Protein backbone atom coordinates (compact mmCIF):
# COMPACT_ATOMS: atom_id res chain seq x y z
CA UNK A 1 -16.24 33.07 -54.69
CA UNK A 2 -14.46 32.38 -57.93
CA UNK A 3 -16.00 32.55 -61.37
CA UNK A 4 -17.27 28.97 -61.30
CA UNK A 5 -18.97 29.48 -57.96
CA UNK A 6 -20.51 32.76 -59.07
CA UNK A 7 -22.02 31.05 -62.12
CA UNK A 8 -23.62 28.44 -59.89
CA UNK A 9 -21.26 25.57 -60.71
CA UNK A 10 -18.94 24.36 -57.96
CA UNK A 11 -15.30 23.79 -59.00
CA UNK A 12 -15.48 20.01 -58.54
CA UNK A 13 -18.72 19.88 -60.57
CA UNK A 14 -17.05 21.78 -63.42
CA UNK A 15 -14.28 19.19 -63.51
CA UNK A 16 -16.79 16.33 -63.42
CA UNK A 17 -18.73 17.91 -66.29
CA UNK A 18 -15.59 18.40 -68.39
CA UNK A 19 -14.34 14.82 -67.93
CA UNK A 20 -17.86 13.42 -68.39
CA UNK A 21 -18.12 15.32 -71.68
CA UNK A 22 -14.80 13.87 -72.87
CA UNK A 23 -16.10 10.38 -72.13
CA UNK A 24 -19.48 10.97 -73.81
CA UNK A 25 -17.91 12.40 -76.97
CA UNK A 26 -15.39 9.58 -77.24
CA UNK A 27 -12.39 11.77 -76.62
CA UNK A 28 -11.73 9.47 -73.67
CA UNK A 29 -12.51 5.87 -74.57
CA UNK A 30 -12.93 2.80 -72.34
CA UNK A 31 -9.57 1.92 -70.82
CA UNK A 32 -8.07 5.39 -71.34
CA UNK A 33 -6.53 7.10 -68.34
CA UNK A 34 -8.37 10.14 -67.08
CA UNK A 35 -6.42 13.02 -65.54
CA UNK A 36 -4.92 12.13 -62.18
CA UNK A 37 -5.54 14.22 -59.09
CA UNK A 38 -2.18 15.90 -59.63
CA UNK A 39 -3.01 16.66 -63.27
CA UNK A 40 -6.42 18.02 -62.29
CA UNK A 41 -4.91 20.41 -59.75
CA UNK A 42 -2.58 21.79 -62.41
CA UNK A 43 -5.04 21.90 -65.33
CA UNK A 44 -8.05 23.31 -63.50
CA UNK A 45 -6.15 25.28 -60.85
CA UNK A 46 -7.91 23.64 -57.92
CA UNK A 47 -6.77 21.99 -54.73
CA UNK A 48 -6.08 18.33 -54.10
CA UNK A 49 -9.28 17.96 -52.09
CA UNK A 50 -11.36 19.27 -54.99
CA UNK A 51 -9.61 17.00 -57.51
CA UNK A 52 -10.17 13.98 -55.28
CA UNK A 53 -13.85 14.88 -54.88
CA UNK A 54 -14.31 15.13 -58.66
CA UNK A 55 -12.81 11.69 -59.29
CA UNK A 56 -14.87 10.23 -56.44
CA UNK A 57 -18.08 11.51 -58.07
CA UNK A 58 -17.08 9.98 -61.41
CA UNK A 59 -16.32 6.65 -59.72
CA UNK A 60 -19.69 6.66 -57.97
CA UNK A 61 -21.35 7.30 -61.33
CA UNK A 62 -19.59 4.21 -62.63
CA UNK A 63 -17.79 6.13 -65.35
CA UNK A 64 -14.24 5.52 -64.13
CA UNK A 65 -12.39 3.04 -61.95
CA UNK A 66 -9.02 2.96 -60.21
CA UNK A 67 -6.55 0.38 -61.49
CA UNK A 68 -3.45 -0.40 -59.42
CA UNK A 69 -0.26 0.58 -61.19
CA UNK A 70 -2.18 2.35 -63.95
CA UNK A 71 -4.31 5.06 -62.38
CA UNK A 72 -7.94 6.02 -62.92
CA UNK A 73 -9.34 4.83 -66.25
CA UNK A 74 -12.63 5.00 -68.12
CA UNK A 75 -14.76 1.96 -67.35
CA UNK A 76 -16.12 -0.33 -70.01
CA UNK A 77 -13.01 -2.20 -71.15
CA UNK A 78 -10.77 -4.90 -69.68
CA UNK A 79 -8.26 -3.60 -67.17
CA UNK A 80 -5.11 -2.52 -69.02
CA UNK A 81 -2.58 -5.33 -68.86
CA UNK A 82 0.98 -4.44 -68.02
CA UNK A 83 2.30 -7.61 -69.63
CA UNK A 84 2.61 -11.24 -68.57
CA UNK A 85 4.81 -12.37 -65.73
CA UNK A 86 8.13 -13.95 -66.73
CA UNK A 87 6.98 -17.50 -66.01
CA UNK A 88 3.98 -17.09 -68.34
CA UNK A 89 5.72 -15.66 -71.39
CA UNK A 90 5.80 -18.96 -73.23
CA UNK A 91 2.45 -20.26 -71.99
CA UNK A 92 -0.23 -20.91 -74.64
CA UNK A 93 -2.69 -18.07 -75.07
CA UNK A 94 -5.57 -20.35 -74.08
CA UNK A 95 -4.01 -20.76 -70.65
CA UNK A 96 -3.81 -16.99 -70.11
CA UNK A 97 -7.51 -16.19 -70.12
CA UNK A 98 -9.22 -13.26 -68.50
CA UNK A 99 -9.66 -15.34 -65.34
CA UNK A 100 -5.87 -15.44 -64.80
CA UNK A 101 -5.12 -11.77 -65.46
CA UNK A 102 -5.19 -10.70 -61.79
CA UNK A 103 -2.70 -13.44 -60.96
CA UNK A 104 -0.44 -12.27 -63.81
CA UNK A 105 -0.35 -8.70 -62.49
CA UNK A 106 0.42 -9.87 -58.98
CA UNK A 107 3.20 -12.11 -60.29
CA UNK A 108 5.35 -9.14 -61.20
CA UNK A 109 8.23 -8.90 -58.77
CA UNK A 110 8.23 -5.71 -56.71
CA UNK A 111 10.87 -3.20 -57.81
CA UNK A 112 13.82 -2.50 -55.56
CA UNK A 113 11.69 -1.02 -52.79
CA UNK A 114 13.44 0.56 -49.81
CA UNK A 115 12.30 2.50 -46.78
CA UNK A 116 14.18 5.57 -47.98
CA UNK A 117 12.62 5.31 -51.43
CA UNK A 118 9.14 5.18 -49.91
CA UNK A 119 9.88 8.22 -47.75
CA UNK A 120 11.25 10.21 -50.69
CA UNK A 121 8.20 9.37 -52.80
CA UNK A 122 5.88 10.40 -49.97
CA UNK A 123 7.71 13.72 -49.58
CA UNK A 124 7.41 14.40 -53.31
CA UNK A 125 3.67 13.71 -53.20
CA UNK A 126 3.16 15.94 -50.16
CA UNK A 127 5.19 18.72 -51.80
CA UNK A 128 3.02 18.59 -54.92
CA UNK A 129 -0.41 17.63 -53.66
CA UNK A 130 -0.36 18.67 -50.01
CA UNK A 131 -0.49 16.44 -46.97
CA UNK A 132 -4.21 15.86 -47.60
CA UNK A 133 -3.34 14.00 -50.78
CA UNK A 134 -0.92 11.62 -49.07
CA UNK A 135 -1.99 8.06 -48.37
CA UNK A 136 -0.33 4.68 -48.44
CA UNK A 137 -2.35 3.86 -51.55
CA UNK A 138 -1.22 7.05 -53.25
CA UNK A 139 2.43 6.26 -52.50
CA UNK A 140 2.03 2.71 -53.77
CA UNK A 141 0.54 4.02 -57.02
CA UNK A 142 3.44 6.43 -57.45
CA UNK A 143 5.97 3.63 -56.92
CA UNK A 144 3.92 1.12 -58.97
CA UNK A 145 3.80 -1.45 -56.19
CA UNK A 146 1.04 -2.94 -54.11
CA UNK A 147 -0.02 -1.11 -50.98
CA UNK A 148 0.86 -4.19 -48.94
CA UNK A 149 4.44 -3.97 -50.22
CA UNK A 150 4.81 -0.64 -48.43
CA UNK A 151 3.80 -2.15 -45.11
CA UNK A 152 6.81 -4.47 -45.25
CA UNK A 153 8.95 -1.35 -44.82
CA UNK A 154 6.66 1.16 -43.02
CA UNK A 155 4.13 -0.01 -40.46
CA UNK A 156 1.57 2.78 -40.84
CA UNK A 157 0.87 6.19 -42.30
CA UNK A 158 1.74 7.69 -38.92
CA UNK A 159 5.18 6.11 -39.07
CA UNK A 160 5.58 7.32 -42.64
CA UNK A 161 4.81 10.91 -41.60
CA UNK A 162 7.37 10.63 -38.81
CA UNK A 163 9.99 9.32 -41.24
CA UNK A 164 9.24 12.14 -43.67
CA UNK A 165 9.86 14.80 -41.02
CA UNK A 166 12.94 12.95 -39.79
CA UNK A 167 14.34 12.89 -43.32
CA UNK A 168 13.93 16.66 -43.72
CA UNK A 169 15.66 17.47 -40.45
CA UNK A 170 18.41 14.92 -41.06
CA UNK A 171 19.24 16.15 -44.55
CA UNK A 172 19.33 19.75 -43.30
CA UNK A 173 20.96 19.00 -39.95
CA UNK A 174 22.35 21.95 -38.02
CA UNK A 175 26.15 22.40 -38.00
CA UNK A 176 28.33 21.02 -35.24
CA UNK A 177 29.54 22.66 -33.15
CA UNK A 178 27.06 25.56 -33.00
CA UNK A 179 28.39 29.10 -33.51
CA UNK A 180 29.82 30.56 -30.31
CA UNK A 181 27.55 33.60 -30.47
CA UNK A 182 24.10 32.58 -29.18
CA UNK A 183 22.28 35.02 -31.43
CA UNK A 184 24.04 33.83 -34.57
CA UNK A 185 23.38 30.23 -33.53
CA UNK A 186 19.64 30.80 -33.11
CA UNK A 187 19.52 32.68 -36.42
CA UNK A 188 21.11 29.68 -38.14
CA UNK A 189 18.57 27.34 -36.56
CA UNK A 190 15.51 29.49 -37.28
CA UNK A 191 16.51 30.29 -40.86
CA UNK A 192 17.27 26.61 -41.46
CA UNK A 193 13.84 25.59 -40.23
CA UNK A 194 12.20 28.36 -42.22
CA UNK A 195 13.84 27.04 -45.39
CA UNK A 196 12.51 23.56 -44.62
CA UNK A 197 9.01 25.00 -44.36
CA UNK A 198 9.42 27.00 -47.56
CA UNK A 199 10.45 23.92 -49.53
CA UNK A 200 8.00 21.60 -47.77
CA UNK A 201 5.03 23.68 -46.56
CA UNK A 202 3.19 20.65 -45.14
CA UNK A 203 5.96 20.07 -42.58
CA UNK A 204 4.91 23.00 -40.40
CA UNK A 205 1.69 21.20 -39.51
CA UNK A 206 3.61 18.14 -38.32
CA UNK A 207 6.25 19.84 -36.20
CA UNK A 208 4.19 22.01 -33.85
CA UNK A 209 5.07 21.62 -30.17
CA UNK A 210 1.67 20.13 -29.28
CA UNK A 211 0.50 17.24 -31.41
CA UNK A 212 3.45 17.07 -33.78
CA UNK A 213 5.41 13.98 -34.72
CA UNK A 214 8.32 12.80 -32.61
CA UNK A 215 11.36 12.00 -34.72
CA UNK A 216 15.09 11.75 -33.93
CA UNK A 217 15.95 14.42 -36.50
CA UNK A 218 13.43 16.87 -35.09
CA UNK A 219 14.59 16.17 -31.54
CA UNK A 220 18.24 16.71 -32.54
CA UNK A 221 17.21 20.11 -33.88
CA UNK A 222 15.56 21.02 -30.57
CA UNK A 223 18.46 19.62 -28.55
CA UNK A 224 20.90 21.74 -30.57
CA UNK A 225 18.98 24.93 -29.84
CA UNK A 226 18.50 24.11 -26.16
CA UNK A 227 22.25 23.46 -25.79
CA UNK A 228 22.90 26.94 -27.16
CA UNK A 229 20.50 28.47 -24.64
CA UNK A 230 21.73 26.39 -21.69
CA UNK A 231 25.30 27.42 -22.52
CA UNK A 232 24.26 30.96 -21.54
CA UNK A 233 23.51 29.80 -18.00
CA UNK A 234 19.85 28.87 -18.34
CA UNK A 235 18.25 25.71 -16.99
CA UNK A 236 16.75 23.13 -19.38
CA UNK A 237 13.26 24.28 -18.32
CA UNK A 238 14.08 27.89 -19.19
CA UNK A 239 15.67 26.76 -22.45
CA UNK A 240 12.50 24.87 -23.39
CA UNK A 241 10.37 27.96 -22.78
CA UNK A 242 12.63 30.07 -24.99
CA UNK A 243 12.67 27.33 -27.62
CA UNK A 244 8.87 27.28 -27.59
CA UNK A 245 8.75 31.03 -28.27
CA UNK A 246 11.15 31.05 -31.22
CA UNK A 247 9.77 27.83 -32.72
CA UNK A 248 6.21 29.16 -32.50
CA UNK A 249 7.31 32.22 -34.45
CA UNK A 250 8.84 30.15 -37.24
CA UNK A 251 6.07 27.58 -37.58
CA UNK A 252 3.38 30.25 -37.11
CA UNK A 253 4.77 32.34 -39.94
CA UNK A 254 5.02 29.23 -42.09
CA UNK A 255 1.40 28.26 -41.42
CA UNK A 256 0.24 31.78 -42.23
CA UNK A 257 2.03 32.32 -45.51
CA UNK A 258 2.77 28.99 -47.14
CA UNK A 259 -0.82 27.82 -47.40
CA UNK A 260 -3.96 29.91 -47.70
CA UNK A 261 -7.13 27.87 -47.18
CA UNK A 262 -10.20 30.11 -47.16
CA UNK A 263 -12.33 28.06 -49.52
CA UNK A 264 -12.36 24.36 -50.28
CA UNK A 265 -11.17 24.82 -53.85
CA UNK A 266 -8.17 26.81 -52.63
CA UNK A 267 -6.74 24.47 -50.02
CA UNK A 268 -2.97 24.34 -50.53
CA UNK A 269 -2.85 27.51 -52.67
CA UNK A 270 0.28 29.55 -51.99
CA UNK A 271 0.04 33.20 -51.02
CA UNK A 272 1.11 34.64 -54.38
CA UNK A 273 -1.42 32.50 -56.24
CA UNK A 274 -4.07 33.54 -53.71
CA UNK A 275 -3.44 37.24 -54.42
CA UNK A 276 -3.40 36.72 -58.19
CA UNK A 277 -6.66 34.77 -58.18
CA UNK A 278 -8.34 37.59 -56.28
CA UNK A 279 -7.14 40.36 -58.56
CA UNK A 280 -10.59 41.20 -60.02
CA UNK A 281 -12.22 41.19 -56.60
CA UNK A 282 -9.51 43.39 -55.12
CA UNK A 283 -9.96 45.89 -57.94
CA UNK A 284 -13.69 46.05 -57.21
CA UNK A 285 -13.02 46.66 -53.51
CA UNK A 286 -10.49 49.35 -54.33
CA UNK A 287 -13.05 51.05 -56.58
CA UNK A 288 -15.58 51.06 -53.74
CA UNK A 289 -13.13 52.99 -51.58
CA UNK A 290 -14.22 51.32 -48.33
CA UNK A 291 -10.76 50.11 -47.31
CA UNK A 292 -8.34 52.80 -48.49
CA UNK A 293 -5.53 51.94 -46.07
CA UNK A 294 -5.63 48.18 -46.41
CA UNK A 295 -6.04 48.25 -50.17
CA UNK A 296 -3.50 50.99 -50.63
CA UNK A 297 -0.60 48.52 -50.58
CA UNK A 298 1.43 48.15 -53.74
CA UNK A 299 1.36 44.36 -53.83
CA UNK A 300 1.84 41.12 -51.91
CA UNK A 301 4.28 41.37 -48.99
CA UNK A 302 7.86 40.11 -49.19
CA UNK A 303 7.24 37.19 -46.87
CA UNK A 304 10.87 36.08 -46.60
CA UNK A 305 12.01 39.61 -45.84
CA UNK A 306 9.29 39.98 -43.22
CA UNK A 307 10.30 36.70 -41.61
CA UNK A 308 13.94 37.77 -41.29
CA UNK A 309 13.00 41.20 -39.95
CA UNK A 310 10.59 39.69 -37.43
CA UNK A 311 13.17 37.14 -36.37
CA UNK A 312 15.71 39.87 -35.66
CA UNK A 313 13.18 41.83 -33.60
CA UNK A 314 12.23 38.69 -31.69
CA UNK A 315 15.86 38.00 -30.83
CA UNK A 316 16.26 41.66 -29.85
CA UNK A 317 13.48 41.15 -27.35
CA UNK A 318 15.10 37.99 -25.99
CA UNK A 319 18.53 39.57 -25.62
CA UNK A 320 18.09 40.81 -22.03
CA UNK A 321 16.86 37.37 -21.01
CA UNK A 322 19.68 35.58 -22.82
CA UNK A 323 22.22 37.96 -21.28
CA UNK A 324 20.99 37.16 -17.77
CA UNK A 325 19.10 40.39 -17.14
CA UNK A 326 15.69 38.83 -16.55
CA UNK A 327 13.66 35.65 -16.21
CA UNK A 328 10.88 34.07 -18.18
């Protein structure tokens, strides 16, 4: 438990109390933007799920409301106006009453919205807030367009997730032709995928062999590796089994070290942050002397170094099979 939990106040409740206090004291006035989920995660050091829960509580209390293209604002004032539409600039003020404001906001032409732009925005959100924070509404807010505008380019969130993965594997496509040496080729593929997971930790959850997305870029990556294996005299079935082994190692390591989720308020916390947050607790455990071997380490492990070392040992183990000295 962290300090908030130990004092009896859950992390989301602490955030609610802080923002509520700002509203009550007038620091945040009607119409002012309150911190976004992204800002909350940075300022309070919590996860996206906790930030979302805090804003949901405030909305249910009637203290804040979500405004398209603006964000979450303090209730009690007219919705912030982003300016009249071009065809209403010269209209008399009497003809632009409160009743017509929604029509004015909808009259704004959508920006130059493209499928690629939507995908890039979604990737940026997932990188910052985790895949849990991604929704079509969240992307539309980031791009300052209506949610319906997104559906003209992307049919569903499922399709968006597929396009996001496809973009990652297309941008970092494996070289053609593959290296002649099978071991070097598989190292290139595994290290390339590992780098994708390091830059985009959420991707590992979407690319597992069972239940992952199916995208051309991801399939090209698998096809490339299977061609390398088949070139050593293996059948496609044997190649798929070997591919499953090496891919499970890469994605498994990524799932273990890129996101630590032991408590709700720490979903999407990276490993280094996890260790740092638990410094006081670790010191107490060390003082108790109950785990001398485990707590005798000098610090967090070098995850990248461990991945490369483990990869080499894995390929060592596959060498007899790849060289035709055994079957799988």
